[in-house]
C-alpha atoms as a PDB file:
ATOM      1  CA  MET A   1      33.688  14.192  -7.704  1.00  0.00           C
ATOM      2  CA  ASP A   2      31.855  11.300  -6.430  1.00  0.00           C
ATOM      3  CA  ASP A   3      32.129   9.558  -9.722  1.00  0.00           C
ATOM      4  CA  TRP A   4      35.984  10.008 -10.071  1.00  0.00           C
ATOM      5  CA  ARG A   5      37.605   6.976 -11.254  1.00  0.00           C
ATOM      6  CA  LEU A   6      41.057   6.223 -12.089  1.00  0.00           C
ATOM      7  CA  THR A   7      42.098   6.207 -15.586  1.00  0.00           C
ATOM      8  CA  GLU A   8      45.249   5.061 -17.573  1.00  0.00           C
ATOM      9  CA  LEU A   9      47.795   7.398 -18.464  1.00  0.00           C
ATOM     10  CA  PRO A  10      48.581   9.925 -20.283  1.00  0.00           C
ATOM     11  CA  LEU A  11      46.621  12.577 -18.896  1.00  0.00           C
ATOM     12  CA  SER A  12      43.766  14.043 -21.390  1.00  0.00           C
ATOM     13  CA  ILE A  13      44.676  17.417 -20.318  1.00  0.00           C
ATOM     14  CA  ASP A  14      47.666  19.847 -20.519  1.00  0.00           C
ATOM     15  CA  VAL A  15      48.958  20.122 -17.099  1.00  0.00           C
ATOM     16  CA  GLU A  16      52.112  22.336 -18.173  1.00  0.00           C
ATOM     17  CA  THR A  17      50.442  25.693 -16.849  1.00  0.00           C
ATOM     18  CA  LYS A  18      52.221  29.140 -16.855  1.00  0.00           C
ATOM     19  CA  LYS A  19      52.689  28.480 -13.208  1.00  0.00           C
ATOM     20  CA  ILE A  20      54.356  25.287 -13.418  1.00  0.00           C
ATOM     21  CA  LEU A  21      56.362  26.325 -16.332  1.00  0.00           C
ATOM     22  CA  LYS A  22      57.688  29.076 -14.404  1.00  0.00           C
ATOM     23  CA  ALA A  23      58.489  27.048 -11.145  1.00  0.00           C
ATOM     24  CA  LEU A  24      60.653  24.185 -13.168  1.00  0.00           C
ATOM     25  CA  PRO A  25      63.899  26.235 -14.084  1.00  0.00           C
ATOM     26  CA  THR A  26      64.698  26.642 -10.310  1.00  0.00           C
ATOM     27  CA  ALA A  27      64.006  23.282  -9.487  1.00  0.00           C
ATOM     28  CA  HIS A  28      66.257  22.029 -12.294  1.00  0.00           C
ATOM     29  CA  ALA A  29      69.013  24.047 -11.321  1.00  0.00           C
ATOM     30  CA  ALA A  30      68.709  22.901  -7.874  1.00  0.00           C
ATOM     31  CA  LEU A  31      68.923  19.312  -9.072  1.00  0.00           C
ATOM     32  CA  ALA A  32      71.818  19.896 -11.454  1.00  0.00           C
ATOM     33  CA  GLU A  33      73.868  21.696  -8.565  1.00  0.00           C
ATOM     34  CA  LEU A  34      73.112  18.726  -6.401  1.00  0.00           C
ATOM     35  CA  LYS A  35      74.305  16.051  -8.946  1.00  0.00           C
ATOM     36  CA  GLY A  36      77.413  17.956  -9.552  1.00  0.00           C
ATOM     37  CA  ILE A  37      78.393  18.494  -5.712  1.00  0.00           C
ATOM     38  CA  ALA A  38      77.473  14.741  -5.195  1.00  0.00           C
ATOM     39  CA  SER A  39      80.067  13.682  -7.802  1.00  0.00           C
ATOM     40  CA  ALA A  40      82.852  15.588  -5.749  1.00  0.00           C
ATOM     41  CA  ILE A  41      82.618  13.233  -3.049  1.00  0.00           C
ATOM     42  CA  PRO A  42      85.447  10.509  -3.409  1.00  0.00           C
ATOM     43  CA  ASN A  43      83.474   7.365  -2.289  1.00  0.00           C
ATOM     44  CA  GLN A  44      79.784   7.771  -3.276  1.00  0.00           C
ATOM     45  CA  ASN A  45      78.643   5.050  -1.115  1.00  0.00           C
ATOM     46  CA  ILE A  46      79.081   7.407   1.608  1.00  0.00           C
ATOM     47  CA  LEU A  47      75.910   9.377   0.241  1.00  0.00           C
ATOM     48  CA  ILE A  48      74.129   6.592  -0.508  1.00  0.00           C
ATOM     49  CA  ASN A  49      74.321   5.095   3.052  1.00  0.00           C
ATOM     50  CA  THR A  50      74.349   8.302   5.160  1.00  0.00           C
ATOM     51  CA  LEU A  51      71.461  10.085   3.107  1.00  0.00           C
ATOM     52  CA  GLY A  52      69.972   6.806   2.147  1.00  0.00           C
ATOM     53  CA  LEU A  53      69.472   6.178   6.089  1.00  0.00           C
ATOM     54  CA  GLN A  54      68.327   9.428   6.769  1.00  0.00           C
ATOM     55  CA  GLU A  55      65.550   9.162   4.142  1.00  0.00           C
ATOM     56  CA  ALA A  56      64.484   5.650   5.335  1.00  0.00           C
ATOM     57  CA  LYS A  57      64.103   7.225   8.849  1.00  0.00           C
ATOM     58  CA  ASP A  58      61.835   9.875   7.390  1.00  0.00           C
ATOM     59  CA  SER A  59      59.768   7.997   4.988  1.00  0.00           C
ATOM     60  CA  SER A  60      58.924   5.303   7.563  1.00  0.00           C
ATOM     61  CA  ALA A  61      57.779   8.085  10.082  1.00  0.00           C
ATOM     62  CA  ILE A  62      55.237   9.243   7.614  1.00  0.00           C
ATOM     63  CA  GLU A  63      53.824   5.834   8.146  1.00  0.00           C
ATOM     64  CA  ASN A  64      54.186   5.943  11.969  1.00  0.00           C
ATOM     65  CA  ILE A  65      57.225   3.687  12.164  1.00  0.00           C
ATOM     66  CA  ILE A  66      59.349   5.645  14.423  1.00  0.00           C
ATOM     67  CA  THR A  67      62.996   5.036  15.299  1.00  0.00           C
ATOM     68  CA  THR A  68      65.812   7.029  16.735  1.00  0.00           C
ATOM     69  CA  HIS A  69      68.835   7.634  14.481  1.00  0.00           C
ATOM     70  CA  ASP A  70      70.824   5.736  17.568  1.00  0.00           C
ATOM     71  CA  ASP A  71      68.567   2.832  17.379  1.00  0.00           C
ATOM     72  CA  LEU A  72      68.723   2.945  13.403  1.00  0.00           C
ATOM     73  CA  TYR A  73      72.615   3.197  13.586  1.00  0.00           C
ATOM     74  CA  LYS A  74      72.967   0.495  16.030  1.00  0.00           C
ATOM     75  CA  THR A  75      70.702  -1.833  14.076  1.00  0.00           C
ATOM     76  CA  GLU A  76      73.123  -1.303  11.000  1.00  0.00           C
ATOM     77  CA  LEU A  77      75.927  -2.662  13.228  1.00  0.00           C
ATOM     78  CA  HIS A  78      74.053  -6.408  13.406  1.00  0.00           C
ATOM     79  CA  LEU A  79      74.917  -6.662  17.103  1.00  0.00           C
ATOM     80  CA  HIS A  80      73.044  -9.504  18.550  1.00  0.00           C
ATOM     81  CA  ALA A  81      72.526  -7.745  21.812  1.00  0.00           C
ATOM     82  CA  PHE A  82      70.442  -5.168  20.064  1.00  0.00           C
ATOM     83  CA  LYS A  83      67.049  -5.627  18.726  1.00  0.00           C
ATOM     84  CA  SER A  84      64.393  -2.925  17.506  1.00  0.00           C
ATOM     85  CA  LEU A  85      61.641  -3.821  15.273  1.00  0.00           C
ATOM     86  CA  GLN A  86      60.920  -0.348  14.105  1.00  0.00           C
ATOM     87  CA  ALA A  87      64.742   0.319  13.142  1.00  0.00           C
ATOM     88  CA  LYS A  88      64.695  -3.141  11.441  1.00  0.00           C
ATOM     89  CA  GLU A  89      61.623  -1.930   9.312  1.00  0.00           C
ATOM     90  CA  VAL A  90      63.712   1.222   8.511  1.00  0.00           C
ATOM     91  CA  GLN A  91      66.575  -0.969   7.447  1.00  0.00           C
ATOM     92  CA  ASN A  92      64.230  -2.836   5.212  1.00  0.00           C
ATOM     93  CA  TYR A  93      63.624   0.566   3.470  1.00  0.00           C
ATOM     94  CA  ILE A  94      67.307   1.168   2.750  1.00  0.00           C
ATOM     95  CA  SER A  95      67.768  -2.268   1.659  1.00  0.00           C
ATOM     96  CA  ALA A  96      65.014  -1.766  -0.754  1.00  0.00           C
ATOM     97  CA  LEU A  97      66.006   1.657  -2.031  1.00  0.00           C
ATOM     98  CA  LYS A  98      69.566  -0.019  -2.670  1.00  0.00           C
ATOM     99  CA  LYS A  99      67.754  -3.071  -4.494  1.00  0.00           C
ATOM    100  CA  GLY A 100      65.813  -0.551  -6.773  1.00  0.00           C
ATOM    101  CA  PHE A 101      68.898   1.557  -7.627  1.00  0.00           C
ATOM    102  CA  GLU A 102      70.600  -1.732  -8.564  1.00  0.00           C
ATOM    103  CA  LEU A 103      67.884  -2.699 -10.866  1.00  0.00           C
ATOM    104  CA  ILE A 104      67.548   0.410 -12.761  1.00  0.00           C
ATOM    105  CA  THR A 105      71.149   0.879 -12.918  1.00  0.00           C
ATOM    106  CA  LYS A 106      71.363  -2.830 -14.719  1.00  0.00           C
ATOM    107  CA  THR A 107      68.249  -2.618 -17.023  1.00  0.00           C
ATOM    108  CA  GLY A 108      67.953   1.162 -17.499  1.00  0.00           C
ATOM    109  CA  LEU A 109      64.207   0.648 -17.091  1.00  0.00           C
ATOM    110  CA  LEU A 110      61.787   1.147 -14.101  1.00  0.00           C
ATOM    111  CA  THR A 111      59.032  -1.831 -14.429  1.00  0.00           C
ATOM    112  CA  HIS A 112      56.392  -3.201 -12.413  1.00  0.00           C
ATOM    113  CA  ASN A 113      58.668  -6.152 -11.666  1.00  0.00           C
ATOM    114  CA  THR A 114      61.093  -3.856 -10.139  1.00  0.00           C
ATOM    115  CA  ILE A 115      58.300  -2.283  -7.965  1.00  0.00           C
ATOM    116  CA  LEU A 116      57.486  -5.808  -7.085  1.00  0.00           C
ATOM    117  CA  GLN A 117      61.012  -6.323  -5.983  1.00  0.00           C
ATOM    118  CA  ILE A 118      61.251  -3.362  -4.092  1.00  0.00           C
ATOM    119  CA  GLN A 119      58.035  -3.946  -2.112  1.00  0.00           C
ATOM    120  CA  GLU A 120      58.986  -7.637  -1.428  1.00  0.00           C
ATOM    121  CA  VAL A 121      62.426  -6.320   0.343  1.00  0.00           C
ATOM    122  CA  LEU A 122      60.473  -3.422   2.166  1.00  0.00           C
ATOM    123  CA  GLU A 123      57.750  -5.750   3.592  1.00  0.00           C
ATOM    124  CA  ASP A 124      60.023  -9.001   3.940  1.00  0.00           C
ATOM    125  CA  ASN A 125      57.222 -11.138   2.048  1.00  0.00           C
ATOM    126  CA  LYS A 126      55.976 -12.044  -1.234  1.00  0.00           C
ATOM    127  CA  ALA A 127      52.231 -10.963  -1.006  1.00  0.00           C
ATOM    128  CA  GLY A 128      52.676  -9.227  -4.401  1.00  0.00           C
ATOM    129  CA  PHE A 129      49.900  -7.026  -5.823  1.00  0.00           C
ATOM    130  CA  ARG A 130      46.550  -6.915  -4.103  1.00  0.00           C
ATOM    131  CA  ARG A 131      44.112  -9.990  -5.009  1.00  0.00           C
ATOM    132  CA  LEU A 132      41.491  -9.453  -2.529  1.00  0.00           C
ATOM    133  CA  SER A 133      39.084  -6.638  -2.274  1.00  0.00           C
ATOM    134  CA  GLY A 134      38.189  -4.382   0.667  1.00  0.00           C
ATOM    135  CA  THR A 135      41.255  -1.957   0.697  1.00  0.00           C
ATOM    136  CA  ALA A 136      39.963   1.565   1.413  1.00  0.00           C
ATOM    137  CA  LEU A 137      42.108   4.742   2.603  1.00  0.00           C
ATOM    138  CA  LYS A 138      40.574   6.368   5.601  1.00  0.00           C
ATOM    139  CA  ASN A 139      40.925   9.446   7.581  1.00  0.00           C
ATOM    140  CA  ALA A 140      42.936   8.757  10.614  1.00  0.00           C
ATOM    141  CA  ALA A 141      40.942  10.994  12.815  1.00  0.00           C
ATOM    142  CA  THR A 142      37.503  10.316  11.935  1.00  0.00           C
ATOM    143  CA  GLY A 143      37.876   6.874  10.461  1.00  0.00           C
ATOM    144  CA  LYS A 144      35.892   8.060   7.122  1.00  0.00           C
ATOM    145  CA  THR A 145      36.908   6.420   3.900  1.00  0.00           C
ATOM    146  CA  ILE A 146      38.073   9.420   1.824  1.00  0.00           C
ATOM    147  CA  TYR A 147      39.028   7.076  -1.412  1.00  0.00           C
ATOM    148  CA  THR A 148      38.638   3.486  -2.600  1.00  0.00           C
ATOM    149  CA  PRO A 149      41.350   2.483  -4.849  1.00  0.00           C
ATOM    150  CA  PRO A 150      40.826  -0.340  -7.559  1.00  0.00           C
ATOM    151  CA  GLN A 151      39.684  -3.554  -5.947  1.00  0.00           C
ATOM    152  CA  ASN A 152      39.870  -5.985  -8.768  1.00  0.00           C
ATOM    153  CA  TYR A 153      43.346  -7.539  -9.286  1.00  0.00           C
ATOM    154  CA  ASP A 154      42.977  -7.511 -13.282  1.00  0.00           C
ATOM    155  CA  GLU A 155      42.269  -3.947 -13.164  1.00  0.00           C
ATOM    156  CA  ILE A 156      45.294  -3.206 -10.716  1.00  0.00           C
ATOM    157  CA  MET A 157      47.501  -5.022 -13.187  1.00  0.00           C
ATOM    158  CA  ARG A 158      46.170  -3.262 -16.199  1.00  0.00           C
ATOM    159  CA  LEU A 159      46.721   0.111 -14.528  1.00  0.00           C
ATOM    160  CA  MET A 160      50.327  -0.934 -13.315  1.00  0.00           C
ATOM    161  CA  THR A 161      51.120  -2.136 -16.953  1.00  0.00           C
ATOM    162  CA  ASN A 162      50.023   1.354 -18.129  1.00  0.00           C
ATOM    163  CA  LEU A 163      52.021   2.995 -15.541  1.00  0.00           C
ATOM    164  CA  GLU A 164      55.217   0.900 -16.311  1.00  0.00           C
ATOM    165  CA  ARG A 165      54.860   1.821 -19.985  1.00  0.00           C
ATOM    166  CA  TYR A 166      54.540   5.745 -19.109  1.00  0.00           C
ATOM    167  CA  MET A 167      57.367   5.648 -16.777  1.00  0.00           C
ATOM    168  CA  ASN A 168      59.655   4.280 -19.555  1.00  0.00           C
ATOM    169  CA  ASP A 169      58.150   5.497 -22.739  1.00  0.00           C
ATOM    170  CA  PRO A 170      58.796   9.149 -23.088  1.00  0.00           C
ATOM    171  CA  GLU A 171      56.684   9.549 -26.447  1.00  0.00           C
ATOM    172  CA  MET A 172      53.526   8.665 -24.168  1.00  0.00           C
ATOM    173  CA  GLN A 173      53.532  12.306 -22.933  1.00  0.00           C
ATOM    174  CA  ASP A 174      55.686  15.202 -23.613  1.00  0.00           C
ATOM    175  CA  CYS A 175      56.267  16.961 -20.588  1.00  0.00           C
ATOM    176  CA  ASP A 176      59.175  17.732 -18.287  1.00  0.00           C
ATOM    177  CA  PRO A 177      60.367  15.004 -16.054  1.00  0.00           C
ATOM    178  CA  LEU A 178      59.449  16.611 -12.880  1.00  0.00           C
ATOM    179  CA  VAL A 179      55.789  17.011 -13.955  1.00  0.00           C
ATOM    180  CA  LYS A 180      55.833  13.345 -15.092  1.00  0.00           C
ATOM    181  CA  MET A 181      57.282  12.617 -11.665  1.00  0.00           C
ATOM    182  CA  ALA A 182      54.373  14.107  -9.852  1.00  0.00           C
ATOM    183  CA  ILE A 183      51.835  12.596 -11.974  1.00  0.00           C
ATOM    184  CA  ILE A 184      53.507   9.197 -11.648  1.00  0.00           C
ATOM    185  CA  HIS A 185      53.442   9.529  -7.753  1.00  0.00           C
ATOM    186  CA  PHE A 186      49.795  10.468  -7.961  1.00  0.00           C
ATOM    187  CA  GLN A 187      48.912   7.482 -10.248  1.00  0.00           C
ATOM    188  CA  PHE A 188      50.736   4.918  -8.141  1.00  0.00           C
ATOM    189  CA  GLU A 189      49.492   5.976  -4.816  1.00  0.00           C
ATOM    190  CA  SER A 190      45.937   6.117  -6.241  1.00  0.00           C
ATOM    191  CA  ILE A 191      46.191   2.516  -7.738  1.00  0.00           C
ATOM    192  CA  HIS A 192      47.756   1.662  -4.120  1.00  0.00           C
ATOM    193  CA  PRO A 193      48.497  -1.936  -5.622  1.00  0.00           C
ATOM    194  CA  PHE A 194      49.968  -3.273  -2.407  1.00  0.00           C
ATOM    195  CA  TYR A 195      48.488  -4.685   0.944  1.00  0.00           C
ATOM    196  CA  ASP A 196      51.104  -2.662   2.667  1.00  0.00           C
ATOM    197  CA  GLY A 197      54.253  -0.417   1.961  1.00  0.00           C
ATOM    198  CA  ASN A 198      52.439   1.761  -0.829  1.00  0.00           C
ATOM    199  CA  GLY A 199      53.781   4.940   0.646  1.00  0.00           C
ATOM    200  CA  ARG A 200      57.249   4.075   1.047  1.00  0.00           C
ATOM    201  CA  THR A 201      57.458   2.366  -2.188  1.00  0.00           C
ATOM    202  CA  GLY A 202      56.086   5.403  -3.926  1.00  0.00           C
ATOM    203  CA  ARG A 203      58.548   7.524  -2.517  1.00  0.00           C
ATOM    204  CA  ILE A 204      61.353   5.154  -3.662  1.00  0.00           C
ATOM    205  CA  ILE A 205      59.895   5.232  -7.309  1.00  0.00           C
ATOM    206  CA  ASN A 206      60.215   9.192  -6.944  1.00  0.00           C
ATOM    207  CA  ILE A 207      63.865   9.131  -6.714  1.00  0.00           C
ATOM    208  CA  LEU A 208      64.680   5.893  -9.109  1.00  0.00           C
ATOM    209  CA  TYR A 209      62.542   7.931 -11.737  1.00  0.00           C
ATOM    210  CA  LEU A 210      64.704  10.904 -11.322  1.00  0.00           C
ATOM    211  CA  ILE A 211      67.877   8.648 -12.024  1.00  0.00           C
ATOM    212  CA  LEU A 212      66.241   7.047 -15.049  1.00  0.00           C
ATOM    213  CA  GLU A 213      65.714  10.467 -16.415  1.00  0.00           C
ATOM    214  CA  LYS A 214      69.565  11.244 -15.811  1.00  0.00           C
ATOM    215  CA  LEU A 215      68.454  14.168 -13.549  1.00  0.00           C
ATOM    216  CA  LEU A 216      70.407  12.680 -10.862  1.00  0.00           C
ATOM    217  CA  SER A 217      73.187   9.747 -10.891  1.00  0.00           C
ATOM    218  CA  LEU A 218      72.943   8.729  -7.455  1.00  0.00           C
ATOM    219  CA  PRO A 219      69.812   7.967  -5.002  1.00  0.00           C
ATOM    220  CA  ILE A 220      70.388  10.984  -2.814  1.00  0.00           C
ATOM    221  CA  LEU A 221      67.190  13.221  -3.350  1.00  0.00           C
ATOM    222  CA  TYR A 222      64.506  12.403  -0.905  1.00  0.00           C
ATOM    223  CA  LEU A 223      61.114  13.880  -0.533  1.00  0.00           C
ATOM    224  CA  SER A 224      59.900  12.332   2.565  1.00  0.00           C
ATOM    225  CA  ASN A 225      61.250  15.301   5.143  1.00  0.00           C
ATOM    226  CA  PHE A 226      59.567  17.666   3.133  1.00  0.00           C
ATOM    227  CA  ILE A 227      56.604  15.568   3.203  1.00  0.00           C
ATOM    228  CA  ILE A 228      56.668  15.203   6.956  1.00  0.00           C
ATOM    229  CA  LYS A 229      57.059  19.052   7.304  1.00  0.00           C
ATOM    230  CA  ASN A 230      54.050  19.542   4.784  1.00  0.00           C
ATOM    231  CA  LYS A 231      52.184  16.301   5.670  1.00  0.00           C
ATOM    232  CA  ALA A 232      48.426  17.876   5.610  1.00  0.00           C
ATOM    233  CA  ASP A 233      49.026  19.737   2.522  1.00  0.00           C
ATOM    234  CA  TYR A 234      50.600  16.367   0.738  1.00  0.00           C
ATOM    235  CA  TYR A 235      47.335  14.408   1.527  1.00  0.00           C
ATOM    236  CA  ARG A 236      45.140  17.255   0.820  1.00  0.00           C
ATOM    237  CA  LEU A 237      46.446  18.118  -2.543  1.00  0.00           C
ATOM    238  CA  LEU A 238      46.391  14.330  -3.532  1.00  0.00           C
ATOM    239  CA  GLN A 239      42.736  14.287  -2.666  1.00  0.00           C
ATOM    240  CA  LYS A 240      42.085  17.173  -4.684  1.00  0.00           C
ATOM    241  CA  VAL A 241      43.253  15.960  -7.709  1.00  0.00           C
ATOM    242  CA  ARG A 242      40.760  13.089  -7.153  1.00  0.00           C
ATOM    243  CA  ASP A 243      37.845  15.246  -5.920  1.00  0.00           C
ATOM    244  CA  GLU A 244      38.277  18.338  -8.458  1.00  0.00           C
ATOM    245  CA  ASN A 245      40.774  17.008 -11.163  1.00  0.00           C
ATOM    246  CA  LEU A 246      43.056  19.999  -9.917  1.00  0.00           C
ATOM    247  CA  TRP A 247      46.599  19.016 -10.989  1.00  0.00           C
ATOM    248  CA  GLU A 248      48.402  22.350 -10.854  1.00  0.00           C
ATOM    249  CA  ASP A 249      48.749  22.713  -6.980  1.00  0.00           C
ATOM    250  CA  TRP A 250      49.584  18.999  -6.800  1.00  0.00           C
ATOM    251  CA  ILE A 251      52.573  19.331  -9.372  1.00  0.00           C
ATOM    252  CA  LEU A 252      53.705  22.483  -7.884  1.00  0.00           C
ATOM    253  CA  PHE A 253      53.823  20.985  -4.464  1.00  0.00           C
ATOM    254  CA  MET A 254      55.995  18.294  -5.767  1.00  0.00           C
ATOM    255  CA  ILE A 255      58.246  20.703  -7.861  1.00  0.00           C
ATOM    256  CA  LYS A 256      58.756  22.844  -4.682  1.00  0.00           C
ATOM    257  CA  GLY A 257      59.592  19.586  -2.860  1.00  0.00           C
ATOM    258  CA  VAL A 258      62.352  18.736  -5.282  1.00  0.00           C
ATOM    259  CA  GLU A 259      63.882  22.184  -5.165  1.00  0.00           C
ATOM    260  CA  GLN A 260      63.701  22.513  -1.378  1.00  0.00           C
ATOM    261  CA  THR A 261      65.208  19.064  -0.702  1.00  0.00           C
ATOM    262  CA  SER A 262      67.952  19.829  -3.600  1.00  0.00           C
ATOM    263  CA  ARG A 263      69.167  22.956  -1.802  1.00  0.00           C
ATOM    264  CA  GLU A 264      69.173  21.092   1.794  1.00  0.00           C
ATOM    265  CA  ASN A 265      70.932  18.344   0.723  1.00  0.00           C
ATOM    266  CA  ILE A 266      73.500  20.342  -1.158  1.00  0.00           C
ATOM    267  CA  GLU A 267      74.178  22.305   2.094  1.00  0.00           C
ATOM    268  CA  LEU A 268      74.491  18.746   3.966  1.00  0.00           C
ATOM    269  CA  ILE A 269      76.591  17.554   1.331  1.00  0.00           C
ATOM    270  CA  ILE A 270      78.997  20.567   1.520  1.00  0.00           C
ATOM    271  CA  LYS A 271      79.153  20.277   5.436  1.00  0.00           C
ATOM    272  CA  ILE A 272      79.855  16.245   5.083  1.00  0.00           C
ATOM    273  CA  LYS A 273      82.832  17.233   2.651  1.00  0.00           C
ATOM    274  CA  GLU A 274      84.207  19.881   4.791  1.00  0.00           C
ATOM    275  CA  LEU A 275      84.190  17.500   7.942  1.00  0.00           C
ATOM    276  CA  MET A 276      85.651  14.908   5.770  1.00  0.00           C
ATOM    277  CA  LEU A 277      88.486  17.230   4.742  1.00  0.00           C
ATOM    278  CA  ASP A 278      89.112  18.188   8.539  1.00  0.00           C
ATOM    279  CA  TYR A 279      89.251  14.465   9.409  1.00  0.00           C
ATOM    280  CA  LYS A 280      91.540  13.726   6.515  1.00  0.00           C
ATOM    281  CA  HIS A 281      94.070  16.352   7.480  1.00  0.00           C
ATOM    282  CA  ARG A 282      93.934  15.319  11.010  1.00  0.00           C
ATOM    283  CA  LEU A 283      94.510  11.558  10.417  1.00  0.00           C
ATOM    284  CA  ARG A 284      97.125  12.293   7.803  1.00  0.00           C
ATOM    285  CA  GLU A 285      99.069  14.554  10.121  1.00  0.00           C
ATOM    286  CA  ASN A 286      98.797  12.282  13.307  1.00  0.00           C
ATOM    287  CA  TYR A 287      98.390   8.543  12.325  1.00  0.00           C
ATOM    288  CA  LYS A 288     100.883   6.385  10.505  1.00  0.00           C
ATOM    289  CA  PHE A 289      97.896   4.273   9.705  1.00  0.00           C
ATOM    290  CA  TYR A 290      95.880   6.878   7.874  1.00  0.00           C
ATOM    291  CA  SER A 291      94.191   5.644   4.434  1.00  0.00           C
ATOM    292  CA  GLN A 292      91.419   6.980   2.297  1.00  0.00           C
ATOM    293  CA  ASP A 293      89.650   3.650   2.832  1.00  0.00           C
ATOM    294  CA  LEU A 294      89.634   4.348   6.766  1.00  0.00           C
ATOM    295  CA  LEU A 295      88.385   7.698   6.000  1.00  0.00           C
ATOM    296  CA  ASN A 296      85.673   6.470   3.988  1.00  0.00           C
ATOM    297  CA  ASN A 297      84.993   4.039   6.553  1.00  0.00           C
ATOM    298  CA  LEU A 298      84.170   6.521   9.278  1.00  0.00           C
ATOM    299  CA  PHE A 299      81.771   8.506   7.001  1.00  0.00           C
ATOM    300  CA  LYS A 300      80.075   5.653   5.227  1.00  0.00           C
ATOM    301  CA  HIS A 301      79.105   4.292   8.906  1.00  0.00           C
ATOM    302  CA  PRO A 302      78.182   6.918  11.441  1.00  0.00           C
ATOM    303  CA  TYR A 303      78.475   4.163  13.943  1.00  0.00           C
ATOM    304  CA  THR A 304      81.350   1.461  12.768  1.00  0.00           C
ATOM    305  CA  LYS A 305      82.932  -1.474  14.241  1.00  0.00           C
ATOM    306  CA  ILE A 306      86.046  -3.553  13.870  1.00  0.00           C
ATOM    307  CA  GLU A 307      84.279  -5.990  11.478  1.00  0.00           C
ATOM    308  CA  PHE A 308      83.514  -3.126   9.156  1.00  0.00           C
ATOM    309  CA  VAL A 309      87.227  -1.926   9.282  1.00  0.00           C
ATOM    310  CA  VAL A 310      88.637  -5.332   8.679  1.00  0.00           C
ATOM    311  CA  ASN A 311      86.325  -5.660   5.398  1.00  0.00           C
ATOM    312  CA  ASP A 312      86.812  -2.203   4.192  1.00  0.00           C
ATOM    313  CA  LEU A 313      90.638  -2.108   4.791  1.00  0.00           C
ATOM    314  CA  GLY A 314      91.499  -5.770   4.531  1.00  0.00           C
ATOM    315  CA  VAL A 315      93.307  -5.867   7.701  1.00  0.00           C
ATOM    316  CA  SER A 316      93.053  -8.339  10.743  1.00  0.00           C
ATOM    317  CA  ARG A 317      90.695  -7.949  13.593  1.00  0.00           C
ATOM    318  CA  LEU A 318      93.684  -7.074  16.022  1.00  0.00           C
ATOM    319  CA  THR A 319      94.782  -4.390  13.637  1.00  0.00           C
ATOM    320  CA  ALA A 320      91.603  -2.899  13.119  1.00  0.00           C
ATOM    321  CA  ALA A 321      90.753  -2.778  16.714  1.00  0.00           C
ATOM    322  CA  SER A 322      93.986  -0.975  17.392  1.00  0.00           C
ATOM    323  CA  TYR A 323      92.973   1.731  14.641  1.00  0.00           C
ATOM    324  CA  LEU A 324      89.768   2.216  16.191  1.00  0.00           C
ATOM    325  CA  ASN A 325      90.733   2.040  19.913  1.00  0.00           C
ATOM    326  CA  LYS A 326      93.521   4.860  19.133  1.00  0.00           C
ATOM    327  CA  LEU A 327      91.125   7.228  17.412  1.00  0.00           C
ATOM    328  CA  ALA A 328      88.716   6.725  20.319  1.00  0.00           C
ATOM    329  CA  GLU A 329      91.470   7.548  22.887  1.00  0.00           C
ATOM    330  CA  ASP A 330      92.198  10.619  20.702  1.00  0.00           C
ATOM    331  CA  ASN A 331      88.449  11.767  20.749  1.00  0.00           C
ATOM    332  CA  MET A 332      88.204  11.340  16.772  1.00  0.00           C
ATOM    333  CA  LEU A 333      85.522   8.748  17.484  1.00  0.00           C
ATOM    334  CA  ARG A 334      83.615   7.937  20.759  1.00  0.00           C
ATOM    335  CA  LYS A 335      83.761   4.284  21.806  1.00  0.00           C
ATOM    336  CA  ASP A 336      80.586   2.663  23.196  1.00  0.00           C
ATOM    337  CA  ARG A 337      79.839  -1.147  24.089  1.00  0.00           C
ATOM    338  CA  LEU A 338      76.657  -3.000  23.539  1.00  0.00           C
ATOM    339  CA  GLY A 339      76.497  -6.551  24.982  1.00  0.00           C
ATOM    340  CA  THR A 340      79.691  -8.264  24.411  1.00  0.00           C
ATOM    341  CA  GLY A 341      80.638  -5.937  21.165  1.00  0.00           C
ATOM    342  CA  ASN A 342      82.219  -2.353  20.978  1.00  0.00           C
ATOM    343  CA  TYR A 343      81.300   0.439  18.383  1.00  0.00           C
ATOM    344  CA  TYR A 344      82.748   3.534  17.426  1.00  0.00           C
ATOM    345  CA  ILE A 345      80.579   6.780  16.652  1.00  0.00           C
ATOM    346  CA  ASN A 346      81.752   9.555  14.501  1.00  0.00           C
ATOM    347  CA  GLU A 347      79.971  12.066  16.694  1.00  0.00           C
ATOM    348  CA  ALA A 348      80.635  15.125  14.266  1.00  0.00           C
ATOM    349  CA  LEU A 349      78.908  13.275  11.400  1.00  0.00           C
ATOM    350  CA  PHE A 350      76.282  11.910  13.558  1.00  0.00           C
ATOM    351  CA  ASP A 351      75.518  15.495  14.618  1.00  0.00           C
ATOM    352  CA  LEU A 352      75.561  16.752  11.093  1.00  0.00           C
ATOM    353  CA  LEU A 353      72.926  13.938  10.120  1.00  0.00           C
ATOM    354  CA  THR A 354      70.524  14.429  13.147  1.00  0.00           C
ATOM    355  CA  LYS A 355      70.559  18.312  13.692  1.00  0.00           C
ATOM    356  CA  ARG A 356      68.989  19.472  10.543  1.00  0.00           C
END
């Protein structure tokens, strides 16, 4: 469809086909189970932090920003002796995700101002929506232009204002929230409103929309790992909508991503919960300084340090150091050194998060 042009939502066709309607119940059941099991973790910041960091790594990898888990967790420690540009970009992603979650929790809305703030944190600049023409999406291998998004600032603003209304007004199109999420993702990626960071911002919007629709209460379902595993299909199906107006396969792909990712995260959260329980019993039985706050600290930060324990437990540096050193002596943690600072690794948690 050489004459295809991006138009305002809602779509003029009914996209809820029999195949799509058949795929929705199992995806919703998986999401509901994920929401329920996440609520059983005593400190939910543990999930936001650990799963959020994993998503930040995967989402950035789609854009060829590659970092190791080791670099990522070291960057979170803010140790002056360690600097990794790639890991810093990934850290920006988790900060942007948390910013978006904070904003929609406060306002109950997902606005283009929220999206602007997310992208600002992500890219660490205030470039805003594109004002200069010349942006085109190209095939990485051949260099051939496969899609040219809107070039005019006024058109970008018009389409983003329309998308904002679509995300927040359920009466604009009466269809399942997972179907709407797939449409929203397509529309945002096709508007391509920023000079940089569109893909990562779009993937943050997915999770925020599910929270807005109360299908989840925490930002813990991320499609980036699914997209990495199915990257060719992701880009092919996006383009198929533009070329042939074929929505069904694209929407089915996104529904499948929600279901599979929910199942994987349920399994991971169960394992985290079991590991926390094991650590809780061992800490309680063997250490007078056991507390729930200490346990939470060891699972919120796969790599922790004295300052984190000081802040989370309200103890002195000397006390925090003695706790961590004792746990390292007993192989509950592994102690490493970077520059002039020590850090402590929860190796069992690290293995869970990295060996998926």
